[in-house]
């Protein structure tokens, strides 16, 4: 750097000397006549000896700087090498420590495995010793029993029987007296206590409801409306029956329309829809579908509110939404003239009162009474209302005790708890009280007679009995004129004929029985 500075200074001095010529003053005649002269830079004159000295000095300084740079580079490289070697030593130390730790852990695992193997061998040895000792004890016990039997002159069973006989003779009289005393005491208290409990329960279960006996009939303002209901080529009545799922009878009575369907909800939707269509006067397929759809939504809301009201009336909350909606269907469901909401409310109150009296689980009885007939409003599936109700409650994971109450309230299965018995008793009280239900006696007898006639029409049948109010038919076949395969075929045949020829509520169970007996007398 000093060489270049000296060279720059020399050039500067030479340039200053070359520019020291006199300059004409402005405004003088000479300045006006003379043209401006552009001076070209003149290379400075340098002494060769001096120039060589400057160059030598610059070379020496450059060489000295190069040596300094080389030394600095070597120092830096040495520093980097030391740093790298230090890091490498640290990494080797860490790897060595990791290997030692892994070796220690492996050694510990091997020691534990060895300990476990030793324990397992010891346990197997002890198990074998215990098995041997158990066998020895069993052999010793058998030998002692044999010796005891030889000494006593009686076998084990004979000695047991003799002891029990002696004990029975000794205590038999005392036991008989105690049993008789308890029986007499129970008889004296049972009648009065039962009457007291039932009267109290019925007092709590009293409702202001009066049984209704209704049919789905729509009154018409005139006979001309029937023509509108039928429509051109019967398209209106076909559309109405397809949309609502009910049968329409226009020929029953003048000025009325009778709607028939096993589903009370669909029948109610059809009744309300037909009344609105008649009042509106516009009866056509598109209008029918619109009105039926709107009425169905309104009925669903009404049923849900009724179901919620029923649950709250008996003290049940947080019931699943779908079950509340199904309980609301009881509003339009009647069983032998008895409305299902009124029956359920009455029965639940009676069951709760009985549960309080006998110290049973009140919540189980409450739910059992509330849900015992929920299968009656399930119309999309086949089966008795008990089976359908039990399946629905299992789907919604109701407590097993409640499911047992529903499953046993018609004695289809033996009672498993006192709560199930209370649900059965409450149902019987509500359904059997005077004025609760009504059915035409002649139609009832006619249905039972028809069931027995269908069963007896086959030549293999010996006897047939309709039981459980027509819900089951027992068929006894002659074993001499039939075999086991005929039993299955006959049950299917009778079932199909009942479905096609008999109108009945719920389901009818067909039970075919074939029994073969052989009797002989030894003389």
Protein backbone atom coordinates (compact mmCIF):
# COMPACT_ATOMS: atom_id res chain seq x y z
CA UNK A 1 0.00 0.00 0.00
CA UNK A 2 2.91 2.48 0.72
CA UNK A 3 4.21 1.96 -2.86
CA UNK A 4 0.98 3.02 -4.41
CA UNK A 5 0.70 6.02 -2.09
CA UNK A 6 4.20 7.22 -3.10
CA UNK A 7 3.43 6.75 -6.78
CA UNK A 8 0.18 8.71 -6.45
CA UNK A 9 1.99 11.56 -4.63
CA UNK A 10 4.66 11.81 -7.33
CA UNK A 11 2.05 12.00 -10.07
CA UNK A 12 0.23 14.72 -8.18
CA UNK A 13 3.36 16.89 -7.81
CA UNK A 14 4.23 16.60 -11.50
CA UNK A 15 0.72 17.59 -12.56
CA UNK A 16 0.81 20.68 -10.34
CA UNK A 17 4.07 21.88 -11.97
CA UNK A 18 2.72 21.45 -15.49
CA UNK A 19 -0.35 23.55 -14.70
CA UNK A 20 1.55 26.59 -13.26
CA UNK A 21 1.57 28.59 -16.58
CA UNK A 22 0.16 32.23 -16.61
CA UNK A 23 -3.45 32.55 -17.68
CA UNK A 24 -4.83 35.62 -19.48
CA UNK A 25 -7.15 37.75 -17.59
CA UNK A 26 -10.75 37.87 -18.60
CA UNK A 27 -11.85 41.00 -20.43
CA UNK A 28 -8.44 41.76 -21.95
CA UNK A 29 -8.06 41.95 -25.79
CA UNK A 30 -5.66 39.08 -25.74
CA UNK A 31 -8.13 36.91 -23.87
CA UNK A 32 -10.75 37.69 -26.43
CA UNK A 33 -8.57 36.84 -29.44
CA UNK A 34 -7.01 33.65 -28.08
CA UNK A 35 -8.97 30.39 -28.30
CA UNK A 36 -9.27 28.22 -25.29
CA UNK A 37 -6.62 25.54 -25.19
CA UNK A 38 -7.41 22.07 -23.97
CA UNK A 39 -4.35 20.72 -22.23
CA UNK A 40 -3.65 17.01 -22.43
CA UNK A 41 -2.33 15.17 -19.39
CA UNK A 42 1.40 14.72 -19.51
CA UNK A 43 2.96 11.60 -18.06
CA UNK A 44 5.19 12.43 -15.15
CA UNK A 45 8.82 11.97 -15.52
CA UNK A 46 10.22 9.59 -12.98
CA UNK A 47 13.84 8.71 -12.36
CA UNK A 48 14.46 5.02 -13.30
CA UNK A 49 16.58 4.42 -10.22
CA UNK A 50 13.93 5.90 -8.03
CA UNK A 51 11.23 3.89 -9.83
CA UNK A 52 13.20 0.66 -9.36
CA UNK A 53 13.64 1.42 -5.68
CA UNK A 54 9.95 2.02 -5.30
CA UNK A 55 9.17 -1.28 -7.07
CA UNK A 56 11.62 -3.21 -4.91
CA UNK A 57 10.16 -1.72 -1.79
CA UNK A 58 6.63 -2.67 -2.95
CA UNK A 59 7.74 -6.23 -3.74
CA UNK A 60 9.33 -6.64 -0.34
CA UNK A 61 6.23 -5.32 1.36
CA UNK A 62 4.02 -7.67 -0.72
CA UNK A 63 6.23 -10.63 0.14
CA UNK A 64 6.12 -9.70 3.81
CA UNK A 65 2.31 -9.40 3.64
CA UNK A 66 2.07 -12.75 1.86
CA UNK A 67 4.14 -14.37 4.61
CA UNK A 68 1.87 -12.81 7.21
CA UNK A 69 -1.22 -14.12 5.39
CA UNK A 70 0.32 -17.58 5.16
CA UNK A 71 1.13 -17.57 8.85
CA UNK A 72 -2.37 -16.39 9.71
CA UNK A 73 -3.90 -19.09 7.47
CA UNK A 74 -1.76 -21.78 9.08
CA UNK A 75 -2.78 -20.54 12.54
CA UNK A 76 -6.43 -20.54 11.59
CA UNK A 77 -6.19 -24.01 10.04
CA UNK A 78 -4.45 -25.27 13.16
CA UNK A 79 -7.20 -23.76 15.32
CA UNK A 80 -9.91 -25.39 13.18
CA UNK A 81 -8.12 -28.71 13.37
CA UNK A 82 -7.85 -28.51 17.14
CA UNK A 83 -11.57 -27.60 17.38
CA UNK A 84 -12.52 -30.53 15.12
CA UNK A 85 -10.33 -32.94 17.08
CA UNK A 86 -11.87 -31.70 20.34
CA UNK A 87 -15.41 -32.21 19.02
CA UNK A 88 -14.43 -35.65 17.70
CA UNK A 89 -13.06 -36.60 21.11
CA UNK A 90 -16.29 -35.41 22.75
CA UNK A 91 -18.39 -37.46 20.32
CA UNK A 92 -16.24 -40.52 20.94
CA UNK A 93 -16.63 -40.04 24.68
CA UNK A 94 -20.42 -39.77 24.32
CA UNK A 95 -20.57 -42.89 22.15
CA UNK A 96 -18.44 -44.73 24.66
CA UNK A 97 -20.75 -43.69 27.49
CA UNK A 98 -23.83 -44.70 25.44
CA UNK A 99 -22.31 -48.10 24.74
CA UNK A 100 -21.56 -48.58 28.41
CA UNK A 101 -25.14 -47.57 29.34
CA UNK A 102 -26.58 -49.98 26.77
CA UNK A 103 -24.32 -52.75 27.98
CA UNK A 104 -25.45 -52.11 31.56
CA UNK A 105 -29.11 -52.17 30.57
CA UNK A 106 -28.68 -55.37 28.57
CA UNK A 107 -26.92 -56.91 31.51
CA UNK A 108 -29.81 -55.86 33.79
CA UNK A 109 -32.38 -57.31 31.37
CA UNK A 110 -30.48 -60.56 31.11
CA UNK A 111 -30.30 -60.72 34.89
CA UNK A 112 -34.06 -60.15 35.19
CA UNK A 113 -34.81 -62.75 32.55
CA UNK A 114 -32.61 -65.20 34.37
CA UNK A 115 -34.40 -64.37 37.63
CA UNK A 116 -37.79 -64.88 35.98
CA UNK A 117 -36.67 -68.20 34.52
CA UNK A 118 -35.50 -69.29 37.94
CA UNK A 119 -38.82 -68.24 39.50
CA UNK A 120 -40.79 -70.03 36.80
CA UNK A 121 -38.81 -73.22 37.39
CA UNK A 122 -39.37 -72.85 41.11
CA UNK A 123 -43.10 -72.30 40.64
CA UNK A 124 -43.38 -75.32 38.37
CA UNK A 125 -41.56 -77.36 40.95
CA UNK A 126 -43.87 -76.14 43.73
CA UNK A 127 -46.91 -76.77 41.56
CA UNK A 128 -45.76 -80.30 41.00
CA UNK A 129 -45.20 -80.76 44.74
CA UNK A 130 -48.68 -79.37 45.50
CA UNK A 131 -50.28 -81.67 42.93
CA UNK A 132 -48.47 -84.60 44.50
CA UNK A 133 -49.55 -83.61 48.00
CA UNK A 134 -53.14 -83.08 46.83
CA UNK A 135 -53.16 -86.55 45.33
CA UNK A 136 -51.71 -87.95 48.55
CA UNK A 137 -54.39 -86.19 50.61
CA UNK A 138 -57.12 -87.49 48.33
CA UNK A 139 -55.77 -91.02 48.58
CA UNK A 140 -55.53 -90.69 52.36
CA UNK A 141 -59.09 -89.38 52.56
CA UNK A 142 -60.40 -92.25 50.48
CA UNK A 143 -58.52 -94.78 52.62
CA UNK A 144 -59.88 -93.23 55.82
CA UNK A 145 -63.42 -93.32 54.40
CA UNK A 146 -63.02 -96.96 53.49
CA UNK A 147 -61.71 -97.79 56.94
CA UNK A 148 -64.56 -95.80 58.51
CA UNK A 149 -67.11 -97.63 56.40
CA UNK A 150 -65.57 -100.97 57.36
CA UNK A 151 -65.60 -100.08 61.05
CA UNK A 152 -69.18 -98.72 60.97
CA UNK A 153 -70.51 -101.41 58.69
CA UNK A 154 -72.25 -98.72 56.53
CA UNK A 155 -71.40 -97.02 53.29
CA UNK A 156 -71.06 -93.26 53.14
CA UNK A 157 -74.48 -92.77 51.54
CA UNK A 158 -76.12 -95.14 54.01
CA UNK A 159 -74.58 -93.28 56.97
CA UNK A 160 -75.67 -89.93 55.53
CA UNK A 161 -79.19 -91.19 54.98
CA UNK A 162 -79.38 -92.63 58.50
CA UNK A 163 -78.19 -89.37 60.08
CA UNK A 164 -80.66 -87.33 58.06
CA UNK A 165 -83.49 -89.68 58.95
CA UNK A 166 -82.71 -89.44 62.62
CA UNK A 167 -82.46 -85.66 62.43
CA UNK A 168 -85.69 -85.45 60.43
CA UNK A 169 -87.57 -87.56 62.94
CA UNK A 170 -86.21 -85.52 65.80
CA UNK A 171 -86.98 -82.10 64.31
CA UNK A 172 -89.93 -82.99 62.07
CA UNK A 173 -92.60 -82.34 64.67
CA UNK A 174 -91.09 -79.03 65.75
CA UNK A 175 -90.70 -77.91 62.14
CA UNK A 176 -94.27 -78.85 61.29
CA UNK A 177 -95.59 -76.88 64.25
CA UNK A 178 -93.53 -73.82 63.31
CA UNK A 179 -94.57 -73.98 59.66
CA UNK A 180 -98.23 -74.32 60.56
CA UNK A 181 -97.97 -71.41 62.95
CA UNK A 182 -96.38 -69.18 60.30
CA UNK A 183 -98.94 -70.22 57.71
CA UNK A 184 -101.81 -69.37 60.01
CA UNK A 185 -100.23 -66.04 60.89
CA UNK A 186 -99.66 -65.20 57.23
CA UNK A 187 -103.25 -66.06 56.35
CA UNK A 188 -104.57 -63.85 59.12
CA UNK A 189 -102.49 -60.86 58.04
CA UNK A 190 -102.35 -61.35 54.27
CA UNK A 191 -105.95 -60.61 53.33
CA UNK A 192 -106.21 -57.43 55.36
CA UNK A 193 -102.81 -56.14 54.32
CA UNK A 194 -103.41 -56.92 50.64
CA UNK A 195 -106.77 -55.14 50.67
CA UNK A 196 -105.21 -52.14 52.37
CA UNK A 197 -102.37 -51.91 49.85
CA UNK A 198 -104.61 -52.32 46.81
CA UNK A 199 -107.18 -49.79 47.99
CA UNK A 200 -104.44 -47.28 48.73
CA UNK A 201 -102.79 -47.91 45.36
CA UNK A 202 -106.04 -47.50 43.46
CA UNK A 203 -106.67 -44.27 45.34
CA UNK A 204 -103.37 -42.89 44.06
CA UNK A 205 -104.10 -44.20 40.58
CA UNK A 206 -107.51 -42.62 40.18
CA UNK A 207 -107.76 -40.47 37.05
CA UNK A 208 -110.40 -38.21 35.64
CA UNK A 209 -110.40 -40.07 32.32
CA UNK A 210 -113.56 -41.71 30.93
CA UNK A 211 -113.11 -44.55 28.45
CA UNK A 212 -113.77 -43.54 24.86
CA UNK A 213 -115.33 -45.79 22.24
CA UNK A 214 -114.71 -44.11 18.91
CA UNK A 215 -114.34 -45.01 15.24
CA UNK A 216 -112.67 -42.98 12.53
CA UNK A 217 -115.70 -41.51 10.75
CA UNK A 218 -115.75 -38.23 8.82
CA UNK A 219 -119.11 -36.49 8.38
CA UNK A 220 -119.73 -34.92 4.97
CA UNK A 221 -121.84 -31.79 4.31
CA UNK A 222 -123.58 -33.50 1.38
CA UNK A 223 -123.51 -36.60 -0.78
CA UNK A 224 -122.00 -34.59 -3.64
CA UNK A 225 -118.71 -34.41 -1.77
CA UNK A 226 -118.29 -38.17 -2.19
CA UNK A 227 -117.98 -37.60 -5.93
CA UNK A 228 -115.13 -35.14 -5.33
CA UNK A 229 -113.44 -37.59 -2.99
CA UNK A 230 -113.61 -40.33 -5.63
CA UNK A 231 -112.49 -38.03 -8.46
CA UNK A 232 -112.26 -38.74 -12.17
CA UNK A 233 -111.79 -42.47 -12.73
CA UNK A 234 -111.20 -42.81 -8.97
CA UNK A 235 -107.81 -41.04 -9.03
CA UNK A 236 -108.51 -38.92 -5.91
CA UNK A 237 -109.52 -41.81 -3.66
CA UNK A 238 -106.60 -43.94 -4.93
CA UNK A 239 -104.16 -41.12 -4.24
CA UNK A 240 -105.65 -40.58 -0.76
CA UNK A 241 -105.43 -44.30 0.15
CA UNK A 242 -101.85 -44.60 -1.14
CA UNK A 243 -100.67 -41.44 0.61
CA UNK A 244 -102.31 -42.15 3.98
CA UNK A 245 -102.19 -45.97 4.01
CA UNK A 246 -105.85 -46.37 5.05
CA UNK A 247 -108.92 -47.92 3.43
CA UNK A 248 -111.76 -45.54 2.56
CA UNK A 249 -115.37 -46.83 2.70
CA UNK A 250 -117.93 -44.49 1.15
CA UNK A 251 -120.88 -46.91 1.15
CA UNK A 252 -121.25 -47.49 4.89
CA UNK A 253 -123.73 -44.75 5.78
CA UNK A 254 -125.12 -41.77 3.89
CA UNK A 255 -123.27 -38.55 4.55
CA UNK A 256 -120.27 -40.26 6.20
CA UNK A 257 -116.90 -41.76 5.25
CA UNK A 258 -115.42 -44.61 7.26
CA UNK A 259 -111.62 -44.88 7.51
CA UNK A 260 -110.14 -48.24 8.51
CA UNK A 261 -106.52 -49.09 9.34
CA UNK A 262 -104.76 -51.10 12.05
CA UNK A 263 -102.34 -48.19 12.64
CA UNK A 264 -104.22 -45.58 14.75
CA UNK A 265 -101.74 -42.82 13.89
CA UNK A 266 -102.21 -43.24 10.16
CA UNK A 267 -105.97 -43.39 10.68
CA UNK A 268 -105.87 -40.13 12.65
CA UNK A 269 -103.72 -38.44 9.97
CA UNK A 270 -106.21 -39.58 7.33
CA UNK A 271 -109.19 -38.34 9.34
CA UNK A 272 -107.79 -34.84 9.91
CA UNK A 273 -106.55 -34.60 6.31
CA UNK A 274 -109.93 -35.61 4.85
CA UNK A 275 -111.77 -33.09 7.05
CA UNK A 276 -109.46 -30.31 5.84
CA UNK A 277 -109.78 -31.35 2.20
CA UNK A 278 -113.59 -31.42 2.45
CA UNK A 279 -113.62 -27.99 4.11
CA UNK A 280 -111.21 -26.55 1.53
CA UNK A 281 -113.10 -28.06 -1.43
CA UNK A 282 -109.94 -28.57 -3.54
CA UNK A 283 -109.57 -32.34 -3.71
CA UNK A 284 -106.93 -33.46 -6.20
CA UNK A 285 -103.82 -35.70 -5.97
CA UNK A 286 -101.27 -32.91 -5.56
CA UNK A 287 -103.40 -31.13 -2.96
CA UNK A 288 -103.99 -34.43 -1.13
CA UNK A 289 -100.25 -35.09 -0.82
CA UNK A 290 -99.62 -31.53 0.40
CA UNK A 291 -102.34 -31.63 3.07
CA UNK A 292 -101.43 -35.14 4.28
CA UNK A 293 -97.75 -34.18 4.60
CA UNK A 294 -98.60 -31.07 6.62
CA UNK A 295 -101.06 -32.91 8.88
CA UNK A 296 -98.54 -35.71 9.49
CA UNK A 297 -95.97 -33.17 10.72
CA UNK A 298 -98.57 -31.60 13.03
CA UNK A 299 -99.60 -35.00 14.43
CA UNK A 300 -95.94 -35.89 15.08
CA UNK A 301 -95.51 -32.68 17.10
CA UNK A 302 -98.73 -33.35 19.02
CA UNK A 303 -97.65 -36.91 19.83
CA UNK A 304 -94.22 -35.79 21.02
CA UNK A 305 -95.79 -33.23 23.36
CA UNK A 306 -98.21 -35.87 24.67
CA UNK A 307 -95.35 -38.30 25.27
CA UNK A 308 -93.36 -35.65 27.13
CA UNK A 309 -96.43 -34.74 29.19
CA UNK A 310 -96.96 -38.42 30.09
CA UNK A 311 -93.32 -38.85 31.17
CA UNK A 312 -93.39 -35.73 33.32
CA UNK A 313 -96.72 -36.75 34.87
CA UNK A 314 -95.15 -39.92 36.30
CA UNK A 315 -91.83 -38.26 37.24
CA UNK A 316 -89.62 -39.54 34.40
CA UNK A 317 -87.16 -37.12 32.83
CA UNK A 318 -84.23 -37.34 30.37
CA UNK A 319 -85.97 -40.06 28.37
CA UNK A 320 -84.57 -40.61 24.81
CA UNK A 321 -86.29 -38.48 22.16
CA UNK A 322 -87.45 -41.46 20.07
CA UNK A 323 -89.03 -43.23 23.04
CA UNK A 324 -90.90 -40.05 24.02
CA UNK A 325 -92.27 -39.80 20.48
CA UNK A 326 -93.39 -43.44 20.59
CA UNK A 327 -95.09 -42.97 23.96
CA UNK A 328 -96.98 -40.06 22.38
CA UNK A 329 -98.54 -42.54 19.94
CA UNK A 330 -100.57 -43.83 22.91
CA UNK A 331 -102.82 -40.77 22.42
CA UNK A 332 -104.40 -42.42 19.37
CA UNK A 333 -104.06 -46.06 20.50
CA UNK A 334 -106.94 -47.88 22.21
CA UNK A 335 -106.92 -51.37 23.70
CA UNK A 336 -110.46 -52.76 23.96
CA UNK A 337 -111.79 -49.20 24.25
CA UNK A 338 -109.24 -48.10 26.86
CA UNK A 339 -106.95 -45.27 25.80
CA UNK A 340 -103.29 -46.23 26.20
CA UNK A 341 -102.18 -42.92 27.71
CA UNK A 342 -104.88 -43.14 30.37
CA UNK A 343 -104.08 -46.81 31.03
CA UNK A 344 -100.32 -46.15 31.27
CA UNK A 345 -100.77 -43.16 33.58
CA UNK A 346 -103.18 -45.06 35.82
CA UNK A 347 -101.06 -48.21 35.92
CA UNK A 348 -97.83 -46.29 36.66
CA UNK A 349 -99.41 -44.47 39.60
CA UNK A 350 -100.70 -47.78 41.00
CA UNK A 351 -97.30 -49.44 40.53
CA UNK A 352 -95.45 -46.59 42.25
CA UNK A 353 -97.81 -46.74 45.23
CA UNK A 354 -97.39 -50.52 45.53
CA UNK A 355 -93.59 -50.19 45.28
CA UNK A 356 -93.58 -47.71 48.17
CA UNK A 357 -95.70 -50.07 50.28
CA UNK A 358 -93.58 -53.21 49.77
CA UNK A 359 -90.22 -51.32 49.80
CA UNK A 360 -89.37 -52.25 46.21
CA UNK A 361 -87.24 -50.24 43.78
CA UNK A 362 -89.62 -47.41 42.87
CA UNK A 363 -87.65 -46.20 39.82
CA UNK A 364 -87.57 -49.68 38.27
CA UNK A 365 -91.33 -50.09 38.76
CA UNK A 366 -91.92 -46.57 37.42
CA UNK A 367 -90.05 -47.24 34.18
CA UNK A 368 -91.45 -50.77 33.87
CA UNK A 369 -95.05 -49.52 34.10
CA UNK A 370 -94.39 -46.59 31.76
CA UNK A 371 -92.79 -48.73 29.04
CA UNK A 372 -94.62 -52.06 29.45
CA UNK A 373 -96.90 -51.59 26.40
CA UNK A 374 -94.56 -49.60 24.14
CA UNK A 375 -94.39 -52.54 21.74
CA UNK A 376 -98.05 -51.97 20.82
CA UNK A 377 -97.17 -48.86 18.79
CA UNK A 378 -94.41 -50.58 16.80
CA UNK A 379 -96.22 -51.50 13.59
CA UNK A 380 -93.31 -51.86 11.18
CA UNK A 381 -92.04 -55.19 12.57
CA UNK A 382 -93.53 -58.62 13.25
CA UNK A 383 -93.92 -60.05 16.74
CA UNK A 384 -95.92 -59.66 19.93
CA UNK A 385 -95.94 -56.32 21.68
CA UNK A 386 -93.86 -57.85 24.50
CA UNK A 387 -91.13 -59.04 22.12
CA UNK A 388 -91.08 -55.77 20.17
CA UNK A 389 -90.97 -53.71 23.37
CA UNK A 390 -88.09 -55.73 24.83
CA UNK A 391 -86.11 -55.42 21.59
CA UNK A 392 -86.65 -51.64 21.52
CA UNK A 393 -85.54 -51.18 25.14
CA UNK A 394 -82.41 -53.25 24.54
CA UNK A 395 -81.62 -51.06 21.54
CA UNK A 396 -81.68 -47.97 23.77
CA UNK A 397 -79.76 -49.78 26.56
CA UNK A 398 -82.38 -49.52 29.25
CA UNK A 399 -81.56 -51.18 32.61
CA UNK A 400 -81.95 -54.95 32.57
CA UNK A 401 -84.33 -54.83 35.56
CA UNK A 402 -86.72 -52.62 33.55
CA UNK A 403 -86.46 -54.92 30.52
CA UNK A 404 -87.32 -57.89 32.76
CA UNK A 405 -90.45 -56.09 33.99
CA UNK A 406 -91.61 -55.48 30.41
CA UNK A 407 -90.75 -59.03 29.33
CA UNK A 408 -92.62 -60.65 32.22
CA UNK A 409 -95.73 -58.45 32.59
CA UNK A 410 -97.88 -61.04 30.72
CA UNK A 411 -96.21 -64.04 32.44
CA UNK A 412 -94.53 -65.05 29.18
CA UNK A 413 -91.48 -65.73 31.34
CA UNK A 414 -91.21 -66.50 35.07
CA UNK A 415 -90.95 -63.48 37.35
CA UNK A 416 -87.35 -62.65 38.24
CA UNK A 417 -87.98 -59.87 40.79
CA UNK A 418 -90.66 -58.36 42.95
CA UNK A 419 -90.60 -55.26 40.74
CA UNK A 420 -91.72 -57.40 37.78
CA UNK A 421 -94.58 -58.80 39.88
CA UNK A 422 -95.68 -55.27 40.83
CA UNK A 423 -95.76 -54.19 37.16
CA UNK A 424 -97.89 -57.25 36.37
CA UNK A 425 -100.26 -56.52 39.28
CA UNK A 426 -100.62 -52.83 38.39
CA UNK A 427 -101.35 -53.69 34.75
CA UNK A 428 -103.99 -56.21 35.79
CA UNK A 429 -105.67 -53.74 38.16
CA UNK A 430 -105.84 -50.98 35.54
CA UNK A 431 -107.00 -53.24 32.73
CA UNK A 432 -109.47 -55.40 34.67
CA UNK A 433 -111.29 -52.76 36.71
CA UNK A 434 -114.98 -52.28 35.83
CA UNK A 435 -115.49 -49.95 32.88
CA UNK A 436 -111.85 -49.89 31.88
CA UNK A 437 -112.14 -52.01 28.74
CA UNK A 438 -114.84 -53.21 26.46
CA UNK A 439 -115.09 -55.79 23.72
CA UNK A 440 -118.12 -57.28 22.02
CA UNK A 441 -118.63 -60.67 23.65
CA UNK A 442 -120.07 -62.22 20.52
CA UNK A 443 -117.08 -61.16 18.40
CA UNK A 444 -114.70 -62.44 21.09
CA UNK A 445 -116.33 -65.89 21.18
CA UNK A 446 -116.53 -65.94 17.40
CA UNK A 447 -112.79 -65.29 17.09
CA UNK A 448 -111.86 -68.03 19.56
CA UNK A 449 -114.22 -70.50 17.85
CA UNK A 450 -112.76 -69.65 14.45
CA UNK A 451 -109.22 -70.29 15.70
CA UNK A 452 -110.18 -73.72 17.03
CA UNK A 453 -112.08 -74.59 13.84
CA UNK A 454 -109.05 -73.74 11.66
CA UNK A 455 -106.81 -75.95 13.83
CA UNK A 456 -109.26 -78.90 13.91
CA UNK A 457 -109.84 -78.86 10.15
CA UNK A 458 -106.77 -81.08 9.63
CA UNK A 459 -107.39 -84.81 10.03
CA UNK A 460 -104.20 -85.30 12.04
CA UNK A 461 -105.41 -82.93 14.82
CA UNK A 462 -106.91 -84.59 17.87
CA UNK A 463 -107.72 -81.52 20.01
CA UNK A 464 -107.25 -77.72 19.77
CA UNK A 465 -107.67 -75.05 22.44
CA UNK A 466 -107.58 -71.25 22.07
CA UNK A 467 -106.02 -69.76 25.22
CA UNK A 468 -104.75 -66.42 26.56
CA UNK A 469 -107.72 -64.49 25.14
CA UNK A 470 -107.01 -65.77 21.66
CA UNK A 471 -103.31 -64.90 21.65
CA UNK A 472 -102.28 -68.57 21.50
CA UNK A 473 -103.73 -71.75 20.01
CA UNK A 474 -102.58 -75.15 21.38
CA UNK A 475 -102.93 -77.99 18.88
CA UNK A 476 -102.58 -81.66 19.90
CA UNK A 477 -102.03 -84.08 17.03
CA UNK A 478 -102.67 -87.83 16.97
CA UNK A 479 -99.24 -89.50 17.18
CA UNK A 480 -100.51 -92.65 15.49
CA UNK A 481 -101.41 -90.78 12.27
CA UNK A 482 -98.51 -88.29 12.14
CA UNK A 483 -94.76 -87.94 12.50
CA UNK A 484 -92.41 -85.25 13.74
CA UNK A 485 -92.16 -83.60 10.30
CA UNK A 486 -95.93 -83.11 10.22
CA UNK A 487 -95.72 -80.98 13.40
CA UNK A 488 -93.62 -78.27 11.73
CA UNK A 489 -95.65 -78.31 8.52
CA UNK A 490 -98.96 -78.16 10.40
CA UNK A 491 -97.89 -75.15 12.49
CA UNK A 492 -97.02 -73.19 9.32
CA UNK A 493 -100.28 -74.17 7.63
CA UNK A 494 -102.42 -73.10 10.60
CA UNK A 495 -100.45 -69.83 10.93
CA UNK A 496 -101.06 -68.93 7.27
CA UNK A 497 -104.79 -69.67 7.51
CA UNK A 498 -105.15 -67.54 10.66
CA UNK A 499 -103.40 -64.60 8.97
CA UNK A 500 -105.68 -64.84 5.94
CA UNK A 501 -109.03 -65.66 7.58
CA UNK A 502 -109.09 -64.11 11.08
CA UNK A 503 -108.97 -60.49 12.27
CA UNK A 504 -107.17 -60.29 15.61
CA UNK A 505 -105.22 -57.76 17.72
CA UNK A 506 -101.49 -58.33 18.22
CA UNK A 507 -100.21 -61.81 17.37
CA UNK A 508 -101.38 -65.40 17.65
CA UNK A 509 -98.88 -68.09 18.68
CA UNK A 510 -99.50 -71.55 17.18
CA UNK A 511 -98.14 -74.41 19.33
CA UNK A 512 -98.42 -77.93 17.88
CA UNK A 513 -97.83 -80.81 20.33
CA UNK A 514 -97.18 -84.45 19.42
CA UNK A 515 -96.64 -86.90 22.28
CA UNK A 516 -96.02 -90.65 21.93
CA UNK A 517 -96.57 -92.85 24.99
CA UNK A 518 -95.98 -96.57 25.45
CA UNK A 519 -97.58 -98.28 28.45
CA UNK A 520 -97.14 -101.87 29.49
CA UNK A 521 -97.99 -103.73 32.69
CA UNK A 522 -95.75 -106.34 34.32
CA UNK A 523 -97.76 -109.17 35.86
